[in-house]
Amino acid sequence: MSELVRNVRLWFAPQRIREEGDTPDYRFSLANERTFLAWLRTALALIGGGFAVDQFLPDLRWGWRVGLALALLGAGVLCSLRAVNHWTRCERAMRRGEDLPVSRFPALLSLVVAVVAVAMVVVVLVGWEG
């Protein structure tokens, strides 16, 4: 079974994580949970931004509006899924006494948000109407 499938199964059965390794200092588990919640807040902000672009910029050319909205909505979906996956991976690593997992996702998310922001700057400078 691949590591990803195992992690996805643990999303819905977090009590099974307790079967691995030793219980870490609760402060580390709580910090991991706060990080998870921060990722979810980021996901909600991206999703809200996607809806805002679609609903509050009706004069924006359809292709731009839909493209920017979908980019933000997609980033929000990925961010929310990544949050739970990262929480699971970190909790397992702490229990096993391993190094915390590294990820390229923050860099990817930053690039997507930067591209959307640059596109919005272009839209504002050029004008909304096509």
C-alpha atoms as a PDB file:
ATOM      1  CA  MET A   1       0.000   0.000   0.000  1.00  0.00           C
ATOM      2  CA  SER A   2       1.441   3.367  -0.952  1.00  0.00           C
ATOM      3  CA  GLU A   3       2.274   5.949   1.674  1.00  0.00           C
ATOM      4  CA  LEU A   4      -0.320   8.375   0.250  1.00  0.00           C
ATOM      5  CA  VAL A   5      -3.133   5.815   0.512  1.00  0.00           C
ATOM      6  CA  ARG A   6      -2.068   5.015   4.070  1.00  0.00           C
ATOM      7  CA  ASN A   7      -2.083   8.696   4.981  1.00  0.00           C
ATOM      8  CA  VAL A   8      -5.527   9.231   3.419  1.00  0.00           C
ATOM      9  CA  ARG A   9      -6.898   6.344   5.462  1.00  0.00           C
ATOM     10  CA  LEU A  10      -5.482   7.940   8.603  1.00  0.00           C
ATOM     11  CA  TRP A  11      -7.332  11.182   7.823  1.00  0.00           C
ATOM     12  CA  PHE A  12     -10.546   9.399   8.766  1.00  0.00           C
ATOM     13  CA  ALA A  13      -9.141   7.246  11.574  1.00  0.00           C
ATOM     14  CA  PRO A  14      -6.744   9.482  13.527  1.00  0.00           C
ATOM     15  CA  GLN A  15      -6.954   7.194  16.565  1.00  0.00           C
ATOM     16  CA  ARG A  16      -4.864   4.697  14.558  1.00  0.00           C
ATOM     17  CA  ILE A  17      -1.964   7.153  14.659  1.00  0.00           C
ATOM     18  CA  ARG A  18      -1.715   6.407  18.382  1.00  0.00           C
ATOM     19  CA  GLU A  19      -0.732   2.838  17.510  1.00  0.00           C
ATOM     20  CA  GLU A  20       2.591   4.095  16.146  1.00  0.00           C
ATOM     21  CA  GLY A  21       5.605   4.979  18.250  1.00  0.00           C
ATOM     22  CA  ASP A  22       5.485   6.866  21.523  1.00  0.00           C
ATOM     23  CA  THR A  23       3.245   9.709  22.588  1.00  0.00           C
ATOM     24  CA  PRO A  24       5.051  13.007  21.945  1.00  0.00           C
ATOM     25  CA  ASP A  25       4.957  15.970  24.296  1.00  0.00           C
ATOM     26  CA  TYR A  26       1.391  17.271  23.978  1.00  0.00           C
ATOM     27  CA  ARG A  27       2.710  20.756  23.178  1.00  0.00           C
ATOM     28  CA  PHE A  28       4.103  19.450  19.898  1.00  0.00           C
ATOM     29  CA  SER A  29       0.796  17.811  18.969  1.00  0.00           C
ATOM     30  CA  LEU A  30      -1.054  21.022  19.807  1.00  0.00           C
ATOM     31  CA  ALA A  31       1.413  23.061  17.732  1.00  0.00           C
ATOM     32  CA  ASN A  32       0.833  20.636  14.863  1.00  0.00           C
ATOM     33  CA  GLU A  33      -2.904  21.170  15.241  1.00  0.00           C
ATOM     34  CA  ARG A  34      -2.483  24.970  15.218  1.00  0.00           C
ATOM     35  CA  THR A  35      -0.477  24.680  12.012  1.00  0.00           C
ATOM     36  CA  PHE A  36      -3.272  22.552  10.532  1.00  0.00           C
ATOM     37  CA  LEU A  37      -5.821  25.209  11.466  1.00  0.00           C
ATOM     38  CA  ALA A  38      -3.642  27.941   9.932  1.00  0.00           C
ATOM     39  CA  TRP A  39      -3.561  25.999   6.666  1.00  0.00           C
ATOM     40  CA  LEU A  40      -7.358  25.682   6.789  1.00  0.00           C
ATOM     41  CA  ARG A  41      -7.718  29.435   7.348  1.00  0.00           C
ATOM     42  CA  THR A  42      -5.498  29.986   4.335  1.00  0.00           C
ATOM     43  CA  ALA A  43      -7.642  27.587   2.301  1.00  0.00           C
ATOM     44  CA  LEU A  44     -10.826  29.386   3.351  1.00  0.00           C
ATOM     45  CA  ALA A  45      -9.296  32.754   2.410  1.00  0.00           C
ATOM     46  CA  LEU A  46      -8.320  31.434  -1.032  1.00  0.00           C
ATOM     47  CA  ILE A  47     -11.793  29.987  -1.587  1.00  0.00           C
ATOM     48  CA  GLY A  48     -13.394  33.248  -0.433  1.00  0.00           C
ATOM     49  CA  GLY A  49     -11.098  35.169  -2.780  1.00  0.00           C
ATOM     50  CA  GLY A  50     -12.120  32.939  -5.662  1.00  0.00           C
ATOM     51  CA  PHE A  51     -15.794  33.559  -5.017  1.00  0.00           C
ATOM     52  CA  ALA A  52     -15.153  37.275  -4.562  1.00  0.00           C
ATOM     53  CA  VAL A  53     -13.404  37.535  -7.932  1.00  0.00           C
ATOM     54  CA  ASP A  54     -16.285  35.723  -9.618  1.00  0.00           C
ATOM     55  CA  GLN A  55     -19.114  37.570  -7.879  1.00  0.00           C
ATOM     56  CA  PHE A  56     -17.798  41.097  -7.392  1.00  0.00           C
ATOM     57  CA  LEU A  57     -15.982  41.698 -10.662  1.00  0.00           C
ATOM     58  CA  PRO A  58     -18.805  41.297 -13.200  1.00  0.00           C
ATOM     59  CA  ASP A  59     -17.226  43.825 -15.579  1.00  0.00           C
ATOM     60  CA  LEU A  60     -14.072  41.753 -15.838  1.00  0.00           C
ATOM     61  CA  ARG A  61     -13.766  39.850 -19.108  1.00  0.00           C
ATOM     62  CA  TRP A  62     -15.292  36.382 -18.633  1.00  0.00           C
ATOM     63  CA  GLY A  63     -12.077  34.460 -19.333  1.00  0.00           C
ATOM     64  CA  TRP A  64     -10.045  36.505 -16.866  1.00  0.00           C
ATOM     65  CA  ARG A  65     -12.726  36.346 -14.194  1.00  0.00           C
ATOM     66  CA  VAL A  66     -13.247  32.597 -14.469  1.00  0.00           C
ATOM     67  CA  GLY A  67      -9.533  31.867 -14.781  1.00  0.00           C
ATOM     68  CA  LEU A  68      -8.588  33.889 -11.719  1.00  0.00           C
ATOM     69  CA  ALA A  69     -11.524  32.567  -9.699  1.00  0.00           C
ATOM     70  CA  LEU A  70     -10.739  28.950 -10.594  1.00  0.00           C
ATOM     71  CA  ALA A  71      -7.051  29.411  -9.783  1.00  0.00           C
ATOM     72  CA  LEU A  72      -7.938  30.707  -6.312  1.00  0.00           C
ATOM     73  CA  LEU A  73     -10.604  28.069  -5.736  1.00  0.00           C
ATOM     74  CA  GLY A  74      -8.256  25.297  -6.868  1.00  0.00           C
ATOM     75  CA  ALA A  75      -5.491  26.592  -4.609  1.00  0.00           C
ATOM     76  CA  GLY A  76      -7.967  26.597  -1.708  1.00  0.00           C
ATOM     77  CA  VAL A  77      -8.996  23.008  -2.371  1.00  0.00           C
ATOM     78  CA  LEU A  78      -5.379  21.860  -2.605  1.00  0.00           C
ATOM     79  CA  CYS A  79      -4.480  23.798   0.523  1.00  0.00           C
ATOM     80  CA  SER A  80      -7.253  22.186   2.554  1.00  0.00           C
ATOM     81  CA  LEU A  81      -6.289  18.689   1.409  1.00  0.00           C
ATOM     82  CA  ARG A  82      -2.636  19.389   2.031  1.00  0.00           C
ATOM     83  CA  ALA A  83      -3.436  20.608   5.539  1.00  0.00           C
ATOM     84  CA  VAL A  84      -4.847  17.300   6.720  1.00  0.00           C
ATOM     85  CA  ASN A  85      -2.148  15.305   4.918  1.00  0.00           C
ATOM     86  CA  HIS A  86       0.593  17.402   6.512  1.00  0.00           C
ATOM     87  CA  TRP A  87      -0.988  17.100   9.954  1.00  0.00           C
ATOM     88  CA  THR A  88      -1.076  13.298   9.628  1.00  0.00           C
ATOM     89  CA  ARG A  89       2.491  13.041   8.356  1.00  0.00           C
ATOM     90  CA  CYS A  90       3.845  15.312  11.116  1.00  0.00           C
ATOM     91  CA  GLU A  91       1.944  13.539  13.878  1.00  0.00           C
ATOM     92  CA  ARG A  92       3.257  10.161  12.709  1.00  0.00           C
ATOM     93  CA  ALA A  93       6.817  11.481  12.440  1.00  0.00           C
ATOM     94  CA  MET A  94       6.684  12.933  15.965  1.00  0.00           C
ATOM     95  CA  ARG A  95       5.394   9.658  17.376  1.00  0.00           C
ATOM     96  CA  ARG A  96       8.158   7.725  15.611  1.00  0.00           C
ATOM     97  CA  GLY A  97      10.882  10.138  16.658  1.00  0.00           C
ATOM     98  CA  GLU A  98      11.673  10.941  13.013  1.00  0.00           C
ATOM     99  CA  ASP A  99      12.471  14.237  11.366  1.00  0.00           C
ATOM    100  CA  LEU A 100       9.381  16.198  10.390  1.00  0.00           C
ATOM    101  CA  PRO A 101       8.458  15.763   6.728  1.00  0.00           C
ATOM    102  CA  VAL A 102       9.451  18.411   4.238  1.00  0.00           C
ATOM    103  CA  SER A 103       7.255  19.622   1.424  1.00  0.00           C
ATOM    104  CA  ARG A 104       7.387  21.717  -1.726  1.00  0.00           C
ATOM    105  CA  PHE A 105       3.724  22.629  -1.320  1.00  0.00           C
ATOM    106  CA  PRO A 106       4.287  25.998   0.410  1.00  0.00           C
ATOM    107  CA  ALA A 107       6.501  27.101  -2.495  1.00  0.00           C
ATOM    108  CA  LEU A 108       3.929  25.869  -5.027  1.00  0.00           C
ATOM    109  CA  LEU A 109       1.076  27.624  -3.247  1.00  0.00           C
ATOM    110  CA  SER A 110       3.115  30.824  -3.036  1.00  0.00           C
ATOM    111  CA  LEU A 111       3.791  30.711  -6.757  1.00  0.00           C
ATOM    112  CA  VAL A 112       0.114  30.192  -7.606  1.00  0.00           C
ATOM    113  CA  VAL A 113      -0.931  33.079  -5.375  1.00  0.00           C
ATOM    114  CA  ALA A 114       1.834  35.276  -6.848  1.00  0.00           C
ATOM    115  CA  VAL A 115       0.730  34.482 -10.418  1.00  0.00           C
ATOM    116  CA  VAL A 116      -2.880  35.315  -9.569  1.00  0.00           C
ATOM    117  CA  ALA A 117      -1.761  38.530  -7.870  1.00  0.00           C
ATOM    118  CA  VAL A 118       0.313  39.563 -10.903  1.00  0.00           C
ATOM    119  CA  ALA A 119      -2.644  38.787 -13.162  1.00  0.00           C
ATOM    120  CA  MET A 120      -4.858  40.961 -10.959  1.00  0.00           C
ATOM    121  CA  VAL A 121      -2.303  43.788 -11.163  1.00  0.00           C
ATOM    122  CA  VAL A 122      -2.385  43.505 -14.970  1.00  0.00           C
ATOM    123  CA  VAL A 123      -6.182  43.538 -14.945  1.00  0.00           C
ATOM    124  CA  VAL A 124      -6.249  46.639 -12.750  1.00  0.00           C
ATOM    125  CA  LEU A 125      -3.653  48.474 -14.826  1.00  0.00           C
ATOM    126  CA  VAL A 126      -5.132  47.545 -18.217  1.00  0.00           C
ATOM    127  CA  GLY A 127      -8.741  47.919 -17.166  1.00  0.00           C
ATOM    128  CA  TRP A 128     -11.504  45.466 -16.469  1.00  0.00           C
ATOM    129  CA  GLU A 129     -13.589  45.626 -19.590  1.00  0.00           C
ATOM    130  CA  GLY A 130     -12.548  43.621 -22.619  1.00  0.00           C
END
